[in-house]
Amino acid sequence: MLNRGKDGDRIKVLPIAISNVQTLPVGYFHTVFTIPQELNTLVLQNQKLLYSLLIKSTGHTLMELAKDPQFLGAIIGITTVLHTWGQNLSFHPHVHCIVPNPYIPQCHGENIIKSSRDTPF
């Protein structure tokens, strides 16, 4: 959402609204899942189905990797945002995911898992 300031300059309102949202006192990882451009025509013709599949498979992939003790052995939270256009305004479906750095209590808070890595997995 854009508003005009006193001098006619555009002021971005959305980041201000987002900055007021409370977050967990942990770091966050930003991951992006994309669809190969060779599938763009197929996605355009089946948007509802393929956007749904992209979002569901993104969440499923992150949750399965996180549950695996080889990687993290934890249950994670994920916030996803579907984007259908790239920065250059070309069709480019992709999902941005925000994943909190896992400080997750297990079994009634008996153990805390802390990721010491710079990446979620």
N, C-alpha and C. Protein backbone atom coordinates (compact mmCIF):
# COMPACT_ATOMS: atom_id res chain seq x y z
N MET A 1 0.86 -1.17 0.00
CA MET A 1 0.00 0.00 0.00
C MET A 1 0.90 1.23 0.00
N LEU A 2 0.61 2.20 -0.84
CA LEU A 2 1.42 3.40 -0.93
C LEU A 2 0.58 4.62 -0.63
N ASN A 3 1.14 5.55 0.10
CA ASN A 3 0.51 6.84 0.36
C ASN A 3 1.46 7.94 -0.09
N ARG A 4 0.94 9.14 -0.26
CA ARG A 4 1.77 10.28 -0.64
C ARG A 4 2.12 11.09 0.59
N GLY A 5 3.38 11.47 0.72
CA GLY A 5 3.82 12.33 1.81
C GLY A 5 3.57 13.79 1.48
N LYS A 6 4.05 14.69 2.34
CA LYS A 6 3.85 16.13 2.14
C LYS A 6 4.42 16.61 0.83
N ASP A 7 5.58 16.07 0.46
CA ASP A 7 6.26 16.53 -0.75
C ASP A 7 5.87 15.72 -1.99
N GLY A 8 4.83 14.89 -1.87
CA GLY A 8 4.41 14.09 -3.02
C GLY A 8 5.21 12.81 -3.17
N ASP A 9 6.16 12.57 -2.26
CA ASP A 9 6.94 11.34 -2.33
C ASP A 9 6.08 10.16 -1.88
N ARG A 10 6.34 9.02 -2.44
CA ARG A 10 5.61 7.82 -2.01
C ARG A 10 6.19 7.32 -0.69
N ILE A 11 5.29 6.96 0.21
CA ILE A 11 5.69 6.42 1.50
C ILE A 11 5.14 5.00 1.58
N LYS A 12 5.99 4.04 1.86
CA LYS A 12 5.54 2.67 1.97
C LYS A 12 4.96 2.44 3.36
N VAL A 13 3.70 2.06 3.40
CA VAL A 13 3.00 1.87 4.66
C VAL A 13 3.15 0.43 5.15
N LEU A 14 3.17 -0.52 4.24
CA LEU A 14 3.18 -1.93 4.62
C LEU A 14 4.35 -2.31 5.53
N PRO A 15 5.61 -1.93 5.24
CA PRO A 15 6.68 -2.31 6.15
C PRO A 15 6.49 -1.76 7.56
N ILE A 16 5.88 -0.61 7.69
CA ILE A 16 5.62 -0.05 9.02
C ILE A 16 4.62 -0.94 9.76
N ALA A 17 3.58 -1.38 9.07
CA ALA A 17 2.58 -2.25 9.69
C ALA A 17 3.23 -3.57 10.09
N ILE A 18 4.06 -4.12 9.23
CA ILE A 18 4.72 -5.39 9.53
C ILE A 18 5.69 -5.24 10.70
N SER A 19 6.34 -4.10 10.82
CA SER A 19 7.33 -3.92 11.89
C SER A 19 6.67 -3.90 13.26
N ASN A 20 5.36 -3.67 13.33
CA ASN A 20 4.66 -3.66 14.61
C ASN A 20 4.23 -5.05 15.06
N VAL A 21 4.41 -6.07 14.21
CA VAL A 21 4.03 -7.43 14.56
C VAL A 21 5.05 -7.99 15.54
N GLN A 22 4.57 -8.63 16.60
CA GLN A 22 5.48 -9.22 17.57
C GLN A 22 6.08 -10.49 17.00
N THR A 23 7.36 -10.70 17.26
CA THR A 23 8.05 -11.89 16.79
C THR A 23 8.69 -12.60 17.97
N LEU A 24 9.05 -13.83 17.76
CA LEU A 24 9.76 -14.59 18.78
C LEU A 24 11.16 -14.01 18.94
N PRO A 25 11.73 -14.12 20.13
CA PRO A 25 13.09 -13.58 20.35
C PRO A 25 14.17 -14.52 19.83
N VAL A 26 14.08 -14.91 18.57
CA VAL A 26 15.05 -15.80 17.94
C VAL A 26 15.39 -15.26 16.56
N GLY A 27 16.43 -15.80 15.95
CA GLY A 27 16.75 -15.44 14.58
C GLY A 27 15.80 -16.13 13.62
N TYR A 28 15.79 -15.70 12.39
CA TYR A 28 14.93 -16.27 11.37
C TYR A 28 15.73 -16.59 10.13
N PHE A 29 15.32 -17.66 9.44
CA PHE A 29 15.93 -18.04 8.16
C PHE A 29 14.94 -17.70 7.05
N HIS A 30 15.45 -17.20 5.95
CA HIS A 30 14.63 -16.90 4.78
C HIS A 30 15.01 -17.89 3.69
N THR A 31 14.05 -18.72 3.27
CA THR A 31 14.29 -19.68 2.19
C THR A 31 13.31 -19.39 1.06
N VAL A 32 13.70 -19.75 -0.15
CA VAL A 32 12.84 -19.51 -1.31
C VAL A 32 12.78 -20.79 -2.14
N PHE A 33 11.57 -21.20 -2.51
CA PHE A 33 11.35 -22.33 -3.38
C PHE A 33 10.77 -21.80 -4.69
N THR A 34 11.33 -22.22 -5.82
CA THR A 34 10.85 -21.74 -7.11
C THR A 34 10.43 -22.90 -8.00
N ILE A 35 9.73 -22.55 -9.06
CA ILE A 35 9.35 -23.51 -10.10
C ILE A 35 10.22 -23.21 -11.31
N PRO A 36 10.79 -24.23 -11.96
CA PRO A 36 11.60 -23.97 -13.16
C PRO A 36 10.79 -23.22 -14.22
N GLN A 37 11.44 -22.29 -14.89
CA GLN A 37 10.74 -21.46 -15.88
C GLN A 37 10.15 -22.29 -17.02
N GLU A 38 10.69 -23.47 -17.25
CA GLU A 38 10.15 -24.33 -18.31
C GLU A 38 8.70 -24.75 -18.01
N LEU A 39 8.28 -24.66 -16.75
CA LEU A 39 6.92 -25.05 -16.37
C LEU A 39 5.97 -23.86 -16.29
N ASN A 40 6.42 -22.66 -16.63
CA ASN A 40 5.59 -21.45 -16.51
C ASN A 40 4.27 -21.55 -17.27
N THR A 41 4.29 -22.07 -18.48
CA THR A 41 3.06 -22.19 -19.27
C THR A 41 2.07 -23.11 -18.58
N LEU A 42 2.56 -24.23 -18.07
CA LEU A 42 1.71 -25.17 -17.35
C LEU A 42 1.12 -24.51 -16.09
N VAL A 43 1.94 -23.77 -15.37
CA VAL A 43 1.47 -23.09 -14.16
C VAL A 43 0.41 -22.05 -14.50
N LEU A 44 0.62 -21.27 -15.55
CA LEU A 44 -0.36 -20.26 -15.96
C LEU A 44 -1.71 -20.89 -16.30
N GLN A 45 -1.69 -22.09 -16.87
CA GLN A 45 -2.93 -22.75 -17.27
C GLN A 45 -3.61 -23.46 -16.10
N ASN A 46 -2.90 -23.70 -15.01
CA ASN A 46 -3.44 -24.44 -13.86
C ASN A 46 -3.03 -23.75 -12.56
N GLN A 47 -3.27 -22.46 -12.47
CA GLN A 47 -2.75 -21.67 -11.36
C GLN A 47 -3.23 -22.16 -9.99
N LYS A 48 -4.51 -22.32 -9.81
CA LYS A 48 -5.05 -22.69 -8.50
C LYS A 48 -4.43 -24.00 -8.00
N LEU A 49 -4.41 -25.00 -8.84
CA LEU A 49 -3.86 -26.31 -8.46
C LEU A 49 -2.37 -26.23 -8.18
N LEU A 50 -1.61 -25.63 -9.09
CA LEU A 50 -0.16 -25.65 -8.96
C LEU A 50 0.35 -24.70 -7.88
N TYR A 51 -0.32 -23.59 -7.63
CA TYR A 51 0.07 -22.73 -6.50
C TYR A 51 -0.16 -23.48 -5.19
N SER A 52 -1.28 -24.16 -5.11
CA SER A 52 -1.59 -24.95 -3.91
C SER A 52 -0.53 -26.03 -3.70
N LEU A 53 -0.18 -26.74 -4.76
CA LEU A 53 0.85 -27.78 -4.66
C LEU A 53 2.21 -27.20 -4.27
N LEU A 54 2.54 -26.05 -4.81
CA LEU A 54 3.82 -25.42 -4.49
C LEU A 54 3.89 -25.06 -3.01
N ILE A 55 2.84 -24.46 -2.48
CA ILE A 55 2.83 -24.07 -1.07
C ILE A 55 2.85 -25.30 -0.17
N LYS A 56 2.01 -26.30 -0.48
CA LYS A 56 1.96 -27.51 0.34
C LYS A 56 3.28 -28.27 0.30
N SER A 57 3.88 -28.41 -0.87
CA SER A 57 5.14 -29.16 -0.97
C SER A 57 6.28 -28.41 -0.29
N THR A 58 6.24 -27.10 -0.32
CA THR A 58 7.26 -26.31 0.38
C THR A 58 7.19 -26.57 1.88
N GLY A 59 5.99 -26.46 2.45
CA GLY A 59 5.82 -26.70 3.88
C GLY A 59 6.18 -28.13 4.26
N HIS A 60 5.72 -29.08 3.45
CA HIS A 60 6.00 -30.49 3.73
C HIS A 60 7.50 -30.77 3.70
N THR A 61 8.19 -30.23 2.73
CA THR A 61 9.64 -30.44 2.61
C THR A 61 10.37 -29.90 3.83
N LEU A 62 10.05 -28.67 4.23
CA LEU A 62 10.73 -28.08 5.39
C LEU A 62 10.41 -28.84 6.67
N MET A 63 9.15 -29.24 6.85
CA MET A 63 8.76 -29.97 8.06
C MET A 63 9.43 -31.34 8.13
N GLU A 64 9.50 -32.05 7.00
CA GLU A 64 10.12 -33.37 6.98
C GLU A 64 11.62 -33.27 7.25
N LEU A 65 12.28 -32.32 6.64
CA LEU A 65 13.72 -32.14 6.90
C LEU A 65 13.97 -31.80 8.36
N ALA A 66 13.14 -30.94 8.92
CA ALA A 66 13.32 -30.53 10.31
C ALA A 66 13.10 -31.70 11.27
N LYS A 67 12.14 -32.58 10.98
CA LYS A 67 11.85 -33.71 11.87
C LYS A 67 12.96 -34.76 11.86
N ASP A 68 13.71 -34.83 10.77
CA ASP A 68 14.77 -35.83 10.64
C ASP A 68 15.90 -35.54 11.62
N PRO A 69 16.21 -36.49 12.53
CA PRO A 69 17.29 -36.27 13.51
C PRO A 69 18.65 -36.00 12.86
N GLN A 70 18.83 -36.45 11.64
CA GLN A 70 20.08 -36.17 10.93
C GLN A 70 20.26 -34.67 10.70
N PHE A 71 19.14 -33.94 10.57
CA PHE A 71 19.22 -32.51 10.32
C PHE A 71 18.97 -31.71 11.60
N LEU A 72 17.79 -31.89 12.19
CA LEU A 72 17.43 -31.07 13.34
C LEU A 72 16.69 -31.84 14.42
N GLY A 73 15.80 -32.74 14.01
CA GLY A 73 15.02 -33.52 14.96
C GLY A 73 14.04 -32.67 15.74
N ALA A 74 13.38 -31.75 15.07
CA ALA A 74 12.48 -30.82 15.77
C ALA A 74 11.26 -30.52 14.91
N ILE A 75 10.26 -29.94 15.55
CA ILE A 75 9.08 -29.44 14.86
C ILE A 75 9.29 -27.94 14.70
N ILE A 76 9.10 -27.44 13.48
CA ILE A 76 9.35 -26.02 13.22
C ILE A 76 8.06 -25.31 12.83
N GLY A 77 8.09 -24.02 12.91
CA GLY A 77 7.01 -23.17 12.41
C GLY A 77 7.47 -22.53 11.11
N ILE A 78 6.53 -22.25 10.23
CA ILE A 78 6.87 -21.66 8.93
C ILE A 78 5.82 -20.61 8.57
N THR A 79 6.26 -19.48 8.07
CA THR A 79 5.37 -18.50 7.45
C THR A 79 5.72 -18.47 5.97
N THR A 80 4.72 -18.64 5.10
CA THR A 80 4.99 -18.66 3.66
C THR A 80 4.25 -17.53 2.96
N VAL A 81 4.86 -17.05 1.89
CA VAL A 81 4.26 -16.02 1.05
C VAL A 81 4.47 -16.43 -0.40
N LEU A 82 3.39 -16.51 -1.16
CA LEU A 82 3.47 -16.85 -2.58
C LEU A 82 3.68 -15.58 -3.39
N HIS A 83 4.71 -15.58 -4.22
CA HIS A 83 4.93 -14.49 -5.18
C HIS A 83 4.80 -15.11 -6.57
N THR A 84 4.15 -14.39 -7.46
CA THR A 84 3.98 -14.91 -8.82
C THR A 84 4.78 -14.14 -9.85
N TRP A 85 5.40 -13.05 -9.44
CA TRP A 85 6.17 -12.23 -10.37
C TRP A 85 7.54 -11.95 -9.77
N GLY A 86 8.55 -11.87 -10.64
CA GLY A 86 9.89 -11.54 -10.19
C GLY A 86 10.08 -10.04 -10.11
N GLN A 87 11.29 -9.63 -9.72
CA GLN A 87 11.58 -8.20 -9.58
C GLN A 87 11.48 -7.45 -10.90
N ASN A 88 11.73 -8.16 -11.99
CA ASN A 88 11.66 -7.51 -13.31
C ASN A 88 10.26 -7.62 -13.93
N LEU A 89 9.25 -7.98 -13.09
CA LEU A 89 7.85 -8.09 -13.50
C LEU A 89 7.60 -9.17 -14.54
N SER A 90 8.44 -10.20 -14.54
CA SER A 90 8.18 -11.35 -15.39
C SER A 90 7.53 -12.43 -14.54
N PHE A 91 6.77 -13.32 -15.18
CA PHE A 91 6.10 -14.39 -14.46
C PHE A 91 7.15 -15.31 -13.85
N HIS A 92 7.14 -15.44 -12.55
CA HIS A 92 8.15 -16.22 -11.85
C HIS A 92 7.58 -16.70 -10.51
N PRO A 93 6.76 -17.79 -10.54
CA PRO A 93 6.14 -18.25 -9.30
C PRO A 93 7.18 -18.81 -8.33
N HIS A 94 7.10 -18.34 -7.09
CA HIS A 94 8.01 -18.81 -6.05
C HIS A 94 7.40 -18.54 -4.68
N VAL A 95 7.88 -19.27 -3.68
CA VAL A 95 7.38 -19.14 -2.32
C VAL A 95 8.53 -18.73 -1.42
N HIS A 96 8.33 -17.63 -0.69
CA HIS A 96 9.27 -17.20 0.34
C HIS A 96 8.83 -17.83 1.66
N CYS A 97 9.78 -18.37 2.42
CA CYS A 97 9.47 -18.98 3.71
C CYS A 97 10.32 -18.32 4.79
N ILE A 98 9.68 -17.98 5.88
CA ILE A 98 10.38 -17.47 7.05
C ILE A 98 10.29 -18.57 8.10
N VAL A 99 11.45 -19.07 8.53
CA VAL A 99 11.52 -20.17 9.50
C VAL A 99 12.28 -19.67 10.72
N PRO A 100 11.63 -19.69 11.90
CA PRO A 100 12.35 -19.28 13.11
C PRO A 100 13.51 -20.23 13.40
N ASN A 101 14.62 -19.69 13.86
CA ASN A 101 15.74 -20.51 14.31
C ASN A 101 15.23 -21.32 15.49
N PRO A 102 15.28 -22.64 15.39
CA PRO A 102 14.53 -23.46 16.36
C PRO A 102 15.10 -23.48 17.78
N TYR A 103 14.44 -22.78 18.65
CA TYR A 103 14.63 -22.92 20.09
C TYR A 103 13.32 -23.57 20.54
N ILE A 104 13.22 -24.86 20.40
CA ILE A 104 11.92 -25.52 20.56
C ILE A 104 11.91 -26.44 21.77
N PRO A 105 11.00 -26.23 22.71
CA PRO A 105 10.90 -27.14 23.85
C PRO A 105 10.39 -28.51 23.41
N GLN A 106 10.95 -29.57 23.97
CA GLN A 106 10.49 -30.93 23.71
C GLN A 106 9.88 -31.48 24.99
N CYS A 107 8.87 -32.28 24.88
CA CYS A 107 8.29 -33.01 26.01
C CYS A 107 8.11 -32.13 27.24
N HIS A 108 7.22 -31.21 27.20
CA HIS A 108 6.90 -30.35 28.34
C HIS A 108 8.07 -29.49 28.77
N GLY A 109 8.90 -29.07 27.83
CA GLY A 109 9.98 -28.15 28.14
C GLY A 109 11.20 -28.79 28.77
N GLU A 110 11.31 -30.12 28.74
CA GLU A 110 12.46 -30.78 29.36
C GLU A 110 13.77 -30.50 28.63
N ASN A 111 13.72 -30.45 27.33
CA ASN A 111 14.92 -30.20 26.54
C ASN A 111 14.67 -29.03 25.59
N ILE A 112 15.70 -28.29 25.32
CA ILE A 112 15.60 -27.20 24.35
C ILE A 112 16.59 -27.53 23.24
N ILE A 113 16.09 -27.48 22.01
CA ILE A 113 16.95 -27.70 20.85
C ILE A 113 17.38 -26.33 20.35
N LYS A 114 18.64 -26.14 20.18
CA LYS A 114 19.15 -24.86 19.69
C LYS A 114 20.00 -25.13 18.47
N SER A 115 19.66 -24.51 17.36
CA SER A 115 20.45 -24.67 16.15
C SER A 115 21.68 -23.78 16.25
N SER A 116 22.83 -24.36 16.03
CA SER A 116 24.07 -23.57 16.08
C SER A 116 24.55 -23.25 14.67
N ARG A 117 23.75 -23.58 13.70
CA ARG A 117 24.14 -23.39 12.31
C ARG A 117 23.66 -22.05 11.78
N ASP A 118 24.23 -21.66 10.65
CA ASP A 118 23.79 -20.44 9.97
C ASP A 118 22.66 -20.72 9.00
N THR A 119 22.32 -21.99 8.81
CA THR A 119 21.22 -22.39 7.95
C THR A 119 20.30 -23.31 8.72
N PRO A 120 19.04 -23.42 8.32
CA PRO A 120 18.13 -24.25 9.11
C PRO A 120 18.47 -25.74 9.08
N PHE A 121 19.16 -26.25 8.03
CA PHE A 121 19.44 -27.68 7.95
C PHE A 121 20.89 -27.93 7.61
